[in-house]
PDB file of N, CA and C in Angstrom:
ATOM      1  N   MET A   1     -93.738  37.917 -68.784  1.00  0.00           N
ATOM      2  CA  MET A   1     -93.101  39.143 -69.189  1.00  0.00           C
ATOM      3  C   MET A   1     -93.099  40.160 -68.047  1.00  0.00           C
ATOM      4  N   LYS A   2     -94.226  40.198 -67.291  1.00  0.00           N
ATOM      5  CA  LYS A   2     -94.297  41.139 -66.182  1.00  0.00           C
ATOM      6  C   LYS A   2     -93.277  40.787 -65.101  1.00  0.00           C
ATOM      7  N   SER A   3     -93.041  39.499 -64.889  1.00  0.00           N
ATOM      8  CA  SER A   3     -92.097  39.096 -63.835  1.00  0.00           C
ATOM      9  C   SER A   3     -90.672  39.511 -64.200  1.00  0.00           C
ATOM     10  N   ILE A   4     -90.342  39.473 -65.493  1.00  0.00           N
ATOM     11  CA  ILE A   4     -89.001  39.897 -65.917  1.00  0.00           C
ATOM     12  C   ILE A   4     -88.842  41.401 -65.713  1.00  0.00           C
ATOM     13  N   ALA A   5     -89.851  42.157 -66.066  1.00  0.00           N
ATOM     14  CA  ALA A   5     -89.798  43.608 -65.886  1.00  0.00           C
ATOM     15  C   ALA A   5     -89.712  43.961 -64.399  1.00  0.00           C
ATOM     16  N   LEU A   6     -90.459  43.235 -63.582  1.00  0.00           N
ATOM     17  CA  LEU A   6     -90.420  43.463 -62.139  1.00  0.00           C
ATOM     18  C   LEU A   6     -89.035  43.129 -61.587  1.00  0.00           C
ATOM     19  N   PHE A   7     -88.427  42.044 -62.057  1.00  0.00           N
ATOM     20  CA  PHE A   7     -87.087  41.660 -61.623  1.00  0.00           C
ATOM     21  C   PHE A   7     -86.056  42.724 -62.001  1.00  0.00           C
ATOM     22  N   ILE A   8     -86.148  43.250 -63.219  1.00  0.00           N
ATOM     23  CA  ILE A   8     -85.209  44.287 -63.672  1.00  0.00           C
ATOM     24  C   ILE A   8     -85.389  45.557 -62.838  1.00  0.00           C
ATOM     25  N   ALA A   9     -86.605  45.938 -62.557  1.00  0.00           N
ATOM     26  CA  ALA A   9     -86.864  47.141 -61.751  1.00  0.00           C
ATOM     27  C   ALA A   9     -86.328  46.959 -60.331  1.00  0.00           C
ATOM     28  N   ALA A  10     -86.554  45.793 -59.747  1.00  0.00           N
ATOM     29  CA  ALA A  10     -86.062  45.532 -58.390  1.00  0.00           C
ATOM     30  C   ALA A  10     -84.537  45.511 -58.360  1.00  0.00           C
ATOM     31  N   SER A  11     -83.921  44.950 -59.374  1.00  0.00           N
ATOM     32  CA  SER A  11     -82.456  44.911 -59.442  1.00  0.00           C
ATOM     33  C   SER A  11     -81.881  46.316 -59.555  1.00  0.00           C
ATOM     34  N   THR A  12     -82.500  47.141 -60.351  1.00  0.00           N
ATOM     35  CA  THR A  12     -82.027  48.516 -60.513  1.00  0.00           C
ATOM     36  C   THR A  12     -82.122  49.294 -59.208  1.00  0.00           C
ATOM     37  N   LEU A  13     -83.212  49.144 -58.502  1.00  0.00           N
ATOM     38  CA  LEU A  13     -83.392  49.843 -57.230  1.00  0.00           C
ATOM     39  C   LEU A  13     -82.426  49.328 -56.169  1.00  0.00           C
ATOM     40  N   SER A  14     -82.202  48.031 -56.154  1.00  0.00           N
ATOM     41  CA  SER A  14     -81.300  47.490 -55.130  1.00  0.00           C
ATOM     42  C   SER A  14     -79.852  47.897 -55.401  1.00  0.00           C
ATOM     43  N   LEU A  15     -79.465  48.025 -56.673  1.00  0.00           N
ATOM     44  CA  LEU A  15     -78.110  48.461 -56.988  1.00  0.00           C
ATOM     45  C   LEU A  15     -77.888  49.912 -56.606  1.00  0.00           C
ATOM     46  N   SER A  16     -78.920  50.733 -56.723  1.00  0.00           N
ATOM     47  CA  SER A  16     -78.766  52.136 -56.334  1.00  0.00           C
ATOM     48  C   SER A  16     -78.628  52.264 -54.818  1.00  0.00           C
ATOM     49  N   ALA A  17     -79.171  51.315 -54.059  1.00  0.00           N
ATOM     50  CA  ALA A  17     -79.036  51.341 -52.602  1.00  0.00           C
ATOM     51  C   ALA A  17     -77.620  50.961 -52.178  1.00  0.00           C
ATOM     52  N   LEU A  18     -76.880  50.290 -53.011  1.00  0.00           N
ATOM     53  CA  LEU A  18     -75.527  49.876 -52.691  1.00  0.00           C
ATOM     54  C   LEU A  18     -74.479  50.912 -53.081  1.00  0.00           C
ATOM     55  N   ALA A  19     -74.921  52.082 -53.504  1.00  0.00           N
ATOM     56  CA  ALA A  19     -73.984  53.132 -53.924  1.00  0.00           C
ATOM     57  C   ALA A  19     -73.118  53.546 -52.743  1.00  0.00           C
ATOM     58  N   LYS A  20     -71.908  53.979 -53.031  1.00  0.00           N
ATOM     59  CA  LYS A  20     -70.961  54.354 -51.990  1.00  0.00           C
ATOM     60  C   LYS A  20     -71.367  55.702 -51.390  1.00  0.00           C
ATOM     61  N   LEU A  21     -71.353  55.753 -50.039  1.00  0.00           N
ATOM     62  CA  LEU A  21     -71.670  56.992 -49.354  1.00  0.00           C
ATOM     63  C   LEU A  21     -70.438  57.881 -49.300  1.00  0.00           C
ATOM     64  N   PRO A  22     -70.626  59.185 -49.238  1.00  0.00           N
ATOM     65  CA  PRO A  22     -69.468  60.085 -49.153  1.00  0.00           C
ATOM     66  C   PRO A  22     -68.779  59.930 -47.794  1.00  0.00           C
ATOM     67  N   ALA A  23     -67.503  60.244 -47.756  1.00  0.00           N
ATOM     68  CA  ALA A  23     -66.734  60.163 -46.511  1.00  0.00           C
ATOM     69  C   ALA A  23     -67.242  61.227 -45.540  1.00  0.00           C
ATOM     70  N   PRO A  24     -67.261  60.905 -44.243  1.00  0.00           N
ATOM     71  CA  PRO A  24     -67.729  61.907 -43.277  1.00  0.00           C
ATOM     72  C   PRO A  24     -66.747  63.064 -43.158  1.00  0.00           C
ATOM     73  N   ASN A  25     -67.284  64.243 -42.887  1.00  0.00           N
ATOM     74  CA  ASN A  25     -66.412  65.412 -42.729  1.00  0.00           C
ATOM     75  C   ASN A  25     -65.824  65.428 -41.320  1.00  0.00           C
ATOM     76  N   ASP A  26     -64.986  66.417 -41.027  1.00  0.00           N
ATOM     77  CA  ASP A  26     -64.298  66.473 -39.740  1.00  0.00           C
ATOM     78  C   ASP A  26     -65.276  66.639 -38.579  1.00  0.00           C
ATOM     79  N   ALA A  27     -66.329  67.408 -38.779  1.00  0.00           N
ATOM     80  CA  ALA A  27     -67.307  67.615 -37.711  1.00  0.00           C
ATOM     81  C   ALA A  27     -68.030  66.311 -37.380  1.00  0.00           C
ATOM     82  N   ALA A  28     -68.352  65.542 -38.404  1.00  0.00           N
ATOM     83  CA  ALA A  28     -69.022  64.261 -38.168  1.00  0.00           C
ATOM     84  C   ALA A  28     -68.083  63.278 -37.475  1.00  0.00           C
ATOM     85  N   LYS A  29     -66.808  63.302 -37.844  1.00  0.00           N
ATOM     86  CA  LYS A  29     -65.838  62.426 -37.188  1.00  0.00           C
ATOM     87  C   LYS A  29     -65.686  62.800 -35.722  1.00  0.00           C
ATOM     88  N   ALA A  30     -65.644  64.108 -35.435  1.00  0.00           N
ATOM     89  CA  ALA A  30     -65.517  64.563 -34.053  1.00  0.00           C
ATOM     90  C   ALA A  30     -66.750  64.193 -33.237  1.00  0.00           C
ATOM     91  N   ALA A  31     -67.915  64.328 -33.840  1.00  0.00           N
ATOM     92  CA  ALA A  31     -69.150  63.966 -33.148  1.00  0.00           C
ATOM     93  C   ALA A  31     -69.196  62.472 -32.876  1.00  0.00           C
ATOM     94  N   ALA A  32     -68.724  61.677 -33.815  1.00  0.00           N
ATOM     95  CA  ALA A  32     -68.694  60.226 -33.610  1.00  0.00           C
ATOM     96  C   ALA A  32     -67.709  59.854 -32.506  1.00  0.00           C
ATOM     97  N   ALA A  33     -66.567  60.515 -32.476  1.00  0.00           N
ATOM     98  CA  ALA A  33     -65.587  60.240 -31.423  1.00  0.00           C
ATOM     99  C   ALA A  33     -66.134  60.632 -30.062  1.00  0.00           C
ATOM    100  N   GLU A  34     -66.830  61.756 -29.987  1.00  0.00           N
ATOM    101  CA  GLU A  34     -67.425  62.201 -28.723  1.00  0.00           C
ATOM    102  C   GLU A  34     -68.508  61.227 -28.269  1.00  0.00           C
ATOM    103  N   ALA A  35     -69.319  60.749 -29.206  1.00  0.00           N
ATOM    104  CA  ALA A  35     -70.358  59.781 -28.867  1.00  0.00           C
ATOM    105  C   ALA A  35     -69.735  58.471 -28.377  1.00  0.00           C
ATOM    106  N   ALA A  36     -68.639  58.061 -28.988  1.00  0.00           N
ATOM    107  CA  ALA A  36     -67.961  56.839 -28.555  1.00  0.00           C
ATOM    108  C   ALA A  36     -67.382  57.009 -27.154  1.00  0.00           C
ATOM    109  N   ALA A  37     -66.837  58.188 -26.864  1.00  0.00           N
ATOM    110  CA  ALA A  37     -66.287  58.456 -25.529  1.00  0.00           C
ATOM    111  C   ALA A  37     -67.392  58.457 -24.477  1.00  0.00           C
ATOM    112  N   LYS A  38     -68.535  59.045 -24.814  1.00  0.00           N
ATOM    113  CA  LYS A  38     -69.662  59.061 -23.876  1.00  0.00           C
ATOM    114  C   LYS A  38     -70.170  57.642 -23.629  1.00  0.00           C
ATOM    115  N   ALA A  39     -70.238  56.845 -24.681  1.00  0.00           N
ATOM    116  CA  ALA A  39     -70.703  55.468 -24.536  1.00  0.00           C
ATOM    117  C   ALA A  39     -69.731  54.652 -23.687  1.00  0.00           C
ATOM    118  N   ALA A  40     -68.444  54.870 -23.869  1.00  0.00           N
ATOM    119  CA  ALA A  40     -67.451  54.159 -23.074  1.00  0.00           C
ATOM    120  C   ALA A  40     -67.566  54.543 -21.602  1.00  0.00           C
ATOM    121  N   HIS A  41     -67.768  55.825 -21.330  1.00  0.00           N
ATOM    122  CA  HIS A  41     -67.913  56.269 -19.939  1.00  0.00           C
ATOM    123  C   HIS A  41     -69.201  55.706 -19.338  1.00  0.00           C
ATOM    124  N   ALA A  42     -70.266  55.684 -20.106  1.00  0.00           N
ATOM    125  CA  ALA A  42     -71.528  55.121 -19.613  1.00  0.00           C
ATOM    126  C   ALA A  42     -71.348  53.645 -19.252  1.00  0.00           C
ATOM    127  N   GLY A  43     -70.569  52.924 -20.043  1.00  0.00           N
ATOM    128  CA  GLY A  43     -70.288  51.523 -19.733  1.00  0.00           C
ATOM    129  C   GLY A  43     -69.520  51.382 -18.425  1.00  0.00           C
ATOM    130  N   LYS A  44     -68.571  52.285 -18.189  1.00  0.00           N
ATOM    131  CA  LYS A  44     -67.814  52.247 -16.939  1.00  0.00           C
ATOM    132  C   LYS A  44     -68.714  52.549 -15.747  1.00  0.00           C
ATOM    133  N   VAL A  45     -69.615  53.507 -15.904  1.00  0.00           N
ATOM    134  CA  VAL A  45     -70.539  53.849 -14.814  1.00  0.00           C
ATOM    135  C   VAL A  45     -71.461  52.669 -14.527  1.00  0.00           C
ATOM    136  N   GLU A  46     -71.970  52.030 -15.574  1.00  0.00           N
ATOM    137  CA  GLU A  46     -72.850  50.874 -15.382  1.00  0.00           C
ATOM    138  C   GLU A  46     -72.106  49.735 -14.695  1.00  0.00           C
ATOM    139  N   SER A  47     -70.855  49.519 -15.048  1.00  0.00           N
ATOM    140  CA  SER A  47     -70.056  48.479 -14.396  1.00  0.00           C
ATOM    141  C   SER A  47     -69.856  48.799 -12.921  1.00  0.00           C
ATOM    142  N   TYR A  48     -69.614  50.074 -12.619  1.00  0.00           N
ATOM    143  CA  TYR A  48     -69.435  50.489 -11.226  1.00  0.00           C
ATOM    144  C   TYR A  48     -70.718  50.255 -10.433  1.00  0.00           C
ATOM    145  N   LEU A  49     -71.860  50.640 -10.994  1.00  0.00           N
ATOM    146  CA  LEU A  49     -73.129  50.448 -10.299  1.00  0.00           C
ATOM    147  C   LEU A  49     -73.436  48.967 -10.108  1.00  0.00           C
ATOM    148  N   LEU A  50     -73.104  48.147 -11.093  1.00  0.00           N
ATOM    149  CA  LEU A  50     -73.289  46.704 -10.956  1.00  0.00           C
ATOM    150  C   LEU A  50     -72.407  46.154  -9.847  1.00  0.00           C
ATOM    151  N   CYS A  51     -71.168  46.611  -9.781  1.00  0.00           N
ATOM    152  CA  CYS A  51     -70.242  46.166  -8.748  1.00  0.00           C
ATOM    153  C   CYS A  51     -70.775  46.519  -7.363  1.00  0.00           C
ATOM    154  N   LYS A  52     -71.283  47.745  -7.192  1.00  0.00           N
ATOM    155  CA  LYS A  52     -71.834  48.157  -5.906  1.00  0.00           C
ATOM    156  C   LYS A  52     -73.053  47.314  -5.535  1.00  0.00           C
ATOM    157  N   ALA A  53     -73.902  47.010  -6.504  1.00  0.00           N
ATOM    158  CA  ALA A  53     -75.083  46.183  -6.245  1.00  0.00           C
ATOM    159  C   ALA A  53     -74.667  44.768  -5.846  1.00  0.00           C
ATOM    160  N   GLN A  54     -73.646  44.242  -6.508  1.00  0.00           N
ATOM    161  CA  GLN A  54     -73.162  42.911  -6.147  1.00  0.00           C
ATOM    162  C   GLN A  54     -72.576  42.913  -4.741  1.00  0.00           C
ATOM    163  N   ASP A  55     -71.876  43.975  -4.374  1.00  0.00           N
ATOM    164  CA  ASP A  55     -71.334  44.082  -3.017  1.00  0.00           C
ATOM    165  C   ASP A  55     -72.450  44.091  -1.976  1.00  0.00           C
ATOM    166  N   ARG A  56     -73.524  44.834  -2.258  1.00  0.00           N
ATOM    167  CA  ARG A  56     -74.656  44.862  -1.329  1.00  0.00           C
ATOM    168  C   ARG A  56     -75.305  43.491  -1.208  1.00  0.00           C
ATOM    169  N   THR A  57     -75.423  42.793  -2.333  1.00  0.00           N
ATOM    170  CA  THR A  57     -76.026  41.468  -2.329  1.00  0.00           C
ATOM    171  C   THR A  57     -75.174  40.493  -1.517  1.00  0.00           C
ATOM    172  N   VAL A  58     -73.880  40.543  -1.701  1.00  0.00           N
ATOM    173  CA  VAL A  58     -72.975  39.656  -0.968  1.00  0.00           C
ATOM    174  C   VAL A  58     -73.017  39.967   0.520  1.00  0.00           C
ATOM    175  N   ALA A  59     -73.038  41.247   0.862  1.00  0.00           N
ATOM    176  CA  ALA A  59     -73.097  41.619   2.278  1.00  0.00           C
ATOM    177  C   ALA A  59     -74.383  41.114   2.919  1.00  0.00           C
ATOM    178  N   HIS A  60     -75.491  41.231   2.216  1.00  0.00           N
ATOM    179  CA  HIS A  60     -76.762  40.735   2.742  1.00  0.00           C
ATOM    180  C   HIS A  60     -76.735  39.218   2.879  1.00  0.00           C
ATOM    181  N   TYR A  61     -76.171  38.541   1.903  1.00  0.00           N
ATOM    182  CA  TYR A  61     -76.092  37.083   1.960  1.00  0.00           C
ATOM    183  C   TYR A  61     -75.243  36.630   3.146  1.00  0.00           C
ATOM    184  N   ARG A  62     -74.098  37.269   3.326  1.00  0.00           N
ATOM    185  CA  ARG A  62     -73.222  36.876   4.431  1.00  0.00           C
ATOM    186  C   ARG A  62     -73.866  37.153   5.782  1.00  0.00           C
ATOM    187  N   LYS A  63     -74.652  38.215   5.843  1.00  0.00           N
ATOM    188  CA  LYS A  63     -75.306  38.570   7.094  1.00  0.00           C
ATOM    189  C   LYS A  63     -76.395  37.563   7.451  1.00  0.00           C
ATOM    190  N   SER A  64     -77.108  37.080   6.439  1.00  0.00           N
ATOM    191  CA  SER A  64     -78.251  36.209   6.699  1.00  0.00           C
ATOM    192  C   SER A  64     -77.983  34.734   6.406  1.00  0.00           C
ATOM    193  N   ALA A  65     -76.777  34.369   6.027  1.00  0.00           N
ATOM    194  CA  ALA A  65     -76.486  32.978   5.660  1.00  0.00           C
ATOM    195  C   ALA A  65     -76.464  32.094   6.903  1.00  0.00           C
ATOM    196  N   LYS A  66     -76.979  30.912   6.745  1.00  0.00           N
ATOM    197  CA  LYS A  66     -76.975  29.944   7.838  1.00  0.00           C
ATOM    198  C   LYS A  66     -75.579  29.341   7.988  1.00  0.00           C
ATOM    199  N   SER A  67     -74.941  29.104   6.876  1.00  0.00           N
ATOM    200  CA  SER A  67     -73.630  28.465   6.889  1.00  0.00           C
ATOM    201  C   SER A  67     -72.554  29.530   6.985  1.00  0.00           C
ATOM    202  N   LYS A  68     -71.744  29.456   8.004  1.00  0.00           N
ATOM    203  CA  LYS A  68     -70.652  30.412   8.183  1.00  0.00           C
ATOM    204  C   LYS A  68     -69.323  29.810   7.727  1.00  0.00           C
ATOM    205  N   ASP A  69     -69.381  28.616   7.114  1.00  0.00           N
ATOM    206  CA  ASP A  69     -68.167  27.918   6.705  1.00  0.00           C
ATOM    207  C   ASP A  69     -67.554  28.482   5.421  1.00  0.00           C
ATOM    208  N   ALA A  70     -68.353  29.157   4.616  1.00  0.00           N
ATOM    209  CA  ALA A  70     -67.853  29.650   3.330  1.00  0.00           C
ATOM    210  C   ALA A  70     -66.809  30.737   3.558  1.00  0.00           C
ATOM    211  N   LYS A  71     -65.690  30.583   2.891  1.00  0.00           N
ATOM    212  CA  LYS A  71     -64.619  31.571   3.018  1.00  0.00           C
ATOM    213  C   LYS A  71     -64.808  32.628   1.930  1.00  0.00           C
ATOM    214  N   PRO A  72     -64.751  33.894   2.294  1.00  0.00           N
ATOM    215  CA  PRO A  72     -64.918  34.938   1.277  1.00  0.00           C
ATOM    216  C   PRO A  72     -63.753  34.962   0.298  1.00  0.00           C
ATOM    217  N   VAL A  73     -64.066  35.254  -0.931  1.00  0.00           N
ATOM    218  CA  VAL A  73     -63.058  35.349  -1.984  1.00  0.00           C
ATOM    219  C   VAL A  73     -62.715  36.823  -2.181  1.00  0.00           C
ATOM    220  N   ALA A  74     -61.438  37.123  -2.195  1.00  0.00           N
ATOM    221  CA  ALA A  74     -61.019  38.512  -2.390  1.00  0.00           C
ATOM    222  C   ALA A  74     -61.247  38.928  -3.836  1.00  0.00           C
ATOM    223  N   THR A  75     -61.884  40.062  -4.005  1.00  0.00           N
ATOM    224  CA  THR A  75     -62.118  40.605  -5.344  1.00  0.00           C
ATOM    225  C   THR A  75     -61.610  42.038  -5.388  1.00  0.00           C
ATOM    226  N   ALA A  76     -61.483  42.548  -6.562  1.00  0.00           N
ATOM    227  CA  ALA A  76     -61.022  43.928  -6.731  1.00  0.00           C
ATOM    228  C   ALA A  76     -62.106  44.879  -6.239  1.00  0.00           C
ATOM    229  N   PRO A  77     -61.719  45.982  -5.605  1.00  0.00           N
ATOM    230  CA  PRO A  77     -62.727  46.943  -5.155  1.00  0.00           C
ATOM    231  C   PRO A  77     -63.380  47.640  -6.349  1.00  0.00           C
ATOM    232  N   CYS A  78     -64.572  48.145  -6.120  1.00  0.00           N
ATOM    233  CA  CYS A  78     -65.279  48.878  -7.170  1.00  0.00           C
ATOM    234  C   CYS A  78     -64.581  50.217  -7.396  1.00  0.00           C
ATOM    235  N   ALA A  79     -64.306  50.527  -8.644  1.00  0.00           N
ATOM    236  CA  ALA A  79     -63.617  51.778  -8.984  1.00  0.00           C
ATOM    237  C   ALA A  79     -64.614  52.756  -9.587  1.00  0.00           C
ATOM    238  N   ASP A  80     -64.820  53.878  -8.893  1.00  0.00           N
ATOM    239  CA  ASP A  80     -65.737  54.904  -9.374  1.00  0.00           C
ATOM    240  C   ASP A  80     -65.091  55.637 -10.547  1.00  0.00           C
ATOM    241  N   PRO A  81     -65.744  55.653 -11.733  1.00  0.00           N
ATOM    242  CA  PRO A  81     -65.140  56.328 -12.888  1.00  0.00           C
ATOM    243  C   PRO A  81     -65.208  57.845 -12.808  1.00  0.00           C
ATOM    244  N   GLY A  82     -65.996  58.388 -11.888  1.00  0.00           N
ATOM    245  CA  GLY A  82     -66.101  59.835 -11.772  1.00  0.00           C
ATOM    246  C   GLY A  82     -67.015  60.415 -12.842  1.00  0.00           C
ATOM    247  N   PRO A  83     -67.185  61.728 -12.848  1.00  0.00           N
ATOM    248  CA  PRO A  83     -68.062  62.351 -13.841  1.00  0.00           C
ATOM    249  C   PRO A  83     -67.433  62.331 -15.230  1.00  0.00           C
ATOM    250  N   TYR A  84     -68.286  62.433 -16.223  1.00  0.00           N
ATOM    251  CA  TYR A  84     -67.814  62.443 -17.616  1.00  0.00           C
ATOM    252  C   TYR A  84     -67.095  63.757 -17.901  1.00  0.00           C
ATOM    253  N   LYS A  85     -65.930  63.636 -18.513  1.00  0.00           N
ATOM    254  CA  LYS A  85     -65.164  64.817 -18.917  1.00  0.00           C
ATOM    255  C   LYS A  85     -64.981  64.754 -20.430  1.00  0.00           C
ATOM    256  N   PRO A  86     -65.552  65.703 -21.168  1.00  0.00           N
ATOM    257  CA  PRO A  86     -65.404  65.668 -22.625  1.00  0.00           C
ATOM    258  C   PRO A  86     -63.942  65.865 -23.030  1.00  0.00           C
ATOM    259  N   ALA A  87     -63.614  65.352 -24.173  1.00  0.00           N
ATOM    260  CA  ALA A  87     -62.249  65.478 -24.697  1.00  0.00           C
ATOM    261  C   ALA A  87     -61.924  66.951 -24.899  1.00  0.00           C
ATOM    262  N   ALA A  88     -60.663  67.276 -24.761  1.00  0.00           N
ATOM    263  CA  ALA A  88     -60.232  68.665 -24.940  1.00  0.00           C
ATOM    264  C   ALA A  88     -60.530  69.104 -26.368  1.00  0.00           C
ATOM    265  N   ALA A  89     -60.834  70.355 -26.515  1.00  0.00           N
ATOM    266  CA  ALA A  89     -61.118  70.889 -27.849  1.00  0.00           C
ATOM    267  C   ALA A  89     -59.864  70.763 -28.712  1.00  0.00           C
ATOM    268  N   ALA A  90     -60.090  70.461 -29.939  1.00  0.00           N
ATOM    269  CA  ALA A  90     -58.962  70.300 -30.860  1.00  0.00           C
ATOM    270  C   ALA A  90     -58.215  71.618 -31.008  1.00  0.00           C
ATOM    271  N   ALA A  91     -56.909  71.527 -31.137  1.00  0.00           N
ATOM    272  CA  ALA A  91     -56.093  72.737 -31.304  1.00  0.00           C
ATOM    273  C   ALA A  91     -56.434  73.377 -32.642  1.00  0.00           C
ATOM    274  N   PRO A  92     -56.448  74.693 -32.697  1.00  0.00           N
ATOM    275  CA  PRO A  92     -56.754  75.339 -33.976  1.00  0.00           C
ATOM    276  C   PRO A  92     -55.688  75.019 -35.014  1.00  0.00           C
ATOM    277  N   ALA A  93     -56.116  74.895 -36.222  1.00  0.00           N
ATOM    278  CA  ALA A  93     -55.193  74.555 -37.310  1.00  0.00           C
ATOM    279  C   ALA A  93     -54.233  75.712 -37.574  1.00  0.00           C
ATOM    280  N   ALA A  94     -53.050  75.366 -38.007  1.00  0.00           N
ATOM    281  CA  ALA A  94     -52.054  76.392 -38.325  1.00  0.00           C
ATOM    282  C   ALA A  94     -52.536  77.173 -39.543  1.00  0.00           C
ATOM    283  N   PRO A  95     -52.269  78.468 -39.574  1.00  0.00           N
ATOM    284  CA  PRO A  95     -52.710  79.264 -40.732  1.00  0.00           C
ATOM    285  C   PRO A  95     -51.983  78.807 -41.996  1.00  0.00           C
ATOM    286  N   ALA A  96     -52.674  78.913 -43.096  1.00  0.00           N
ATOM    287  CA  ALA A  96     -52.100  78.492 -44.378  1.00  0.00           C
ATOM    288  C   ALA A  96     -50.991  79.449 -44.789  1.00  0.00           C
ATOM    289  N   LYS A  97     -49.950  78.891 -45.381  1.00  0.00           N
ATOM    290  CA  LYS A  97     -48.831  79.709 -45.837  1.00  0.00           C
ATOM    291  C   LYS A  97     -49.186  80.400 -47.151  1.00  0.00           C
ATOM    292  N   LYS A  98     -48.776  81.641 -47.267  1.00  0.00           N
ATOM    293  CA  LYS A  98     -49.019  82.362 -48.511  1.00  0.00           C
ATOM    294  C   LYS A  98     -47.838  82.095 -49.430  1.00  0.00           C
ATOM    295  N   SER A  99     -48.148  81.825 -50.673  1.00  0.00           N
ATOM    296  CA  SER A  99     -47.049  81.572 -51.609  1.00  0.00           C
ATOM    297  C   SER A  99     -46.927  82.628 -52.653  1.00  0.00           C
TER     298      SER A  99
END
């Protein structure tokens, strides 16, 4: 009997956890978009730093390599993404019409 009561209590609690959350407001959407933009820029910066590190590694290898027969492969140059620039502030909403 206790196991049935425990099962019912656990089921009730788990169903309440599945309740629908309210939709985010405009400020939360803007904050999420800004966070996504910052994360995207951080990824570009990390890619640039990785590219520069790989270039240094290749230069060191070519300088110290015993075999000079290897032909270098042309790759795209590292592109610096520059500093992070936040998105422009949203335009103010048009005033409501009076009826």
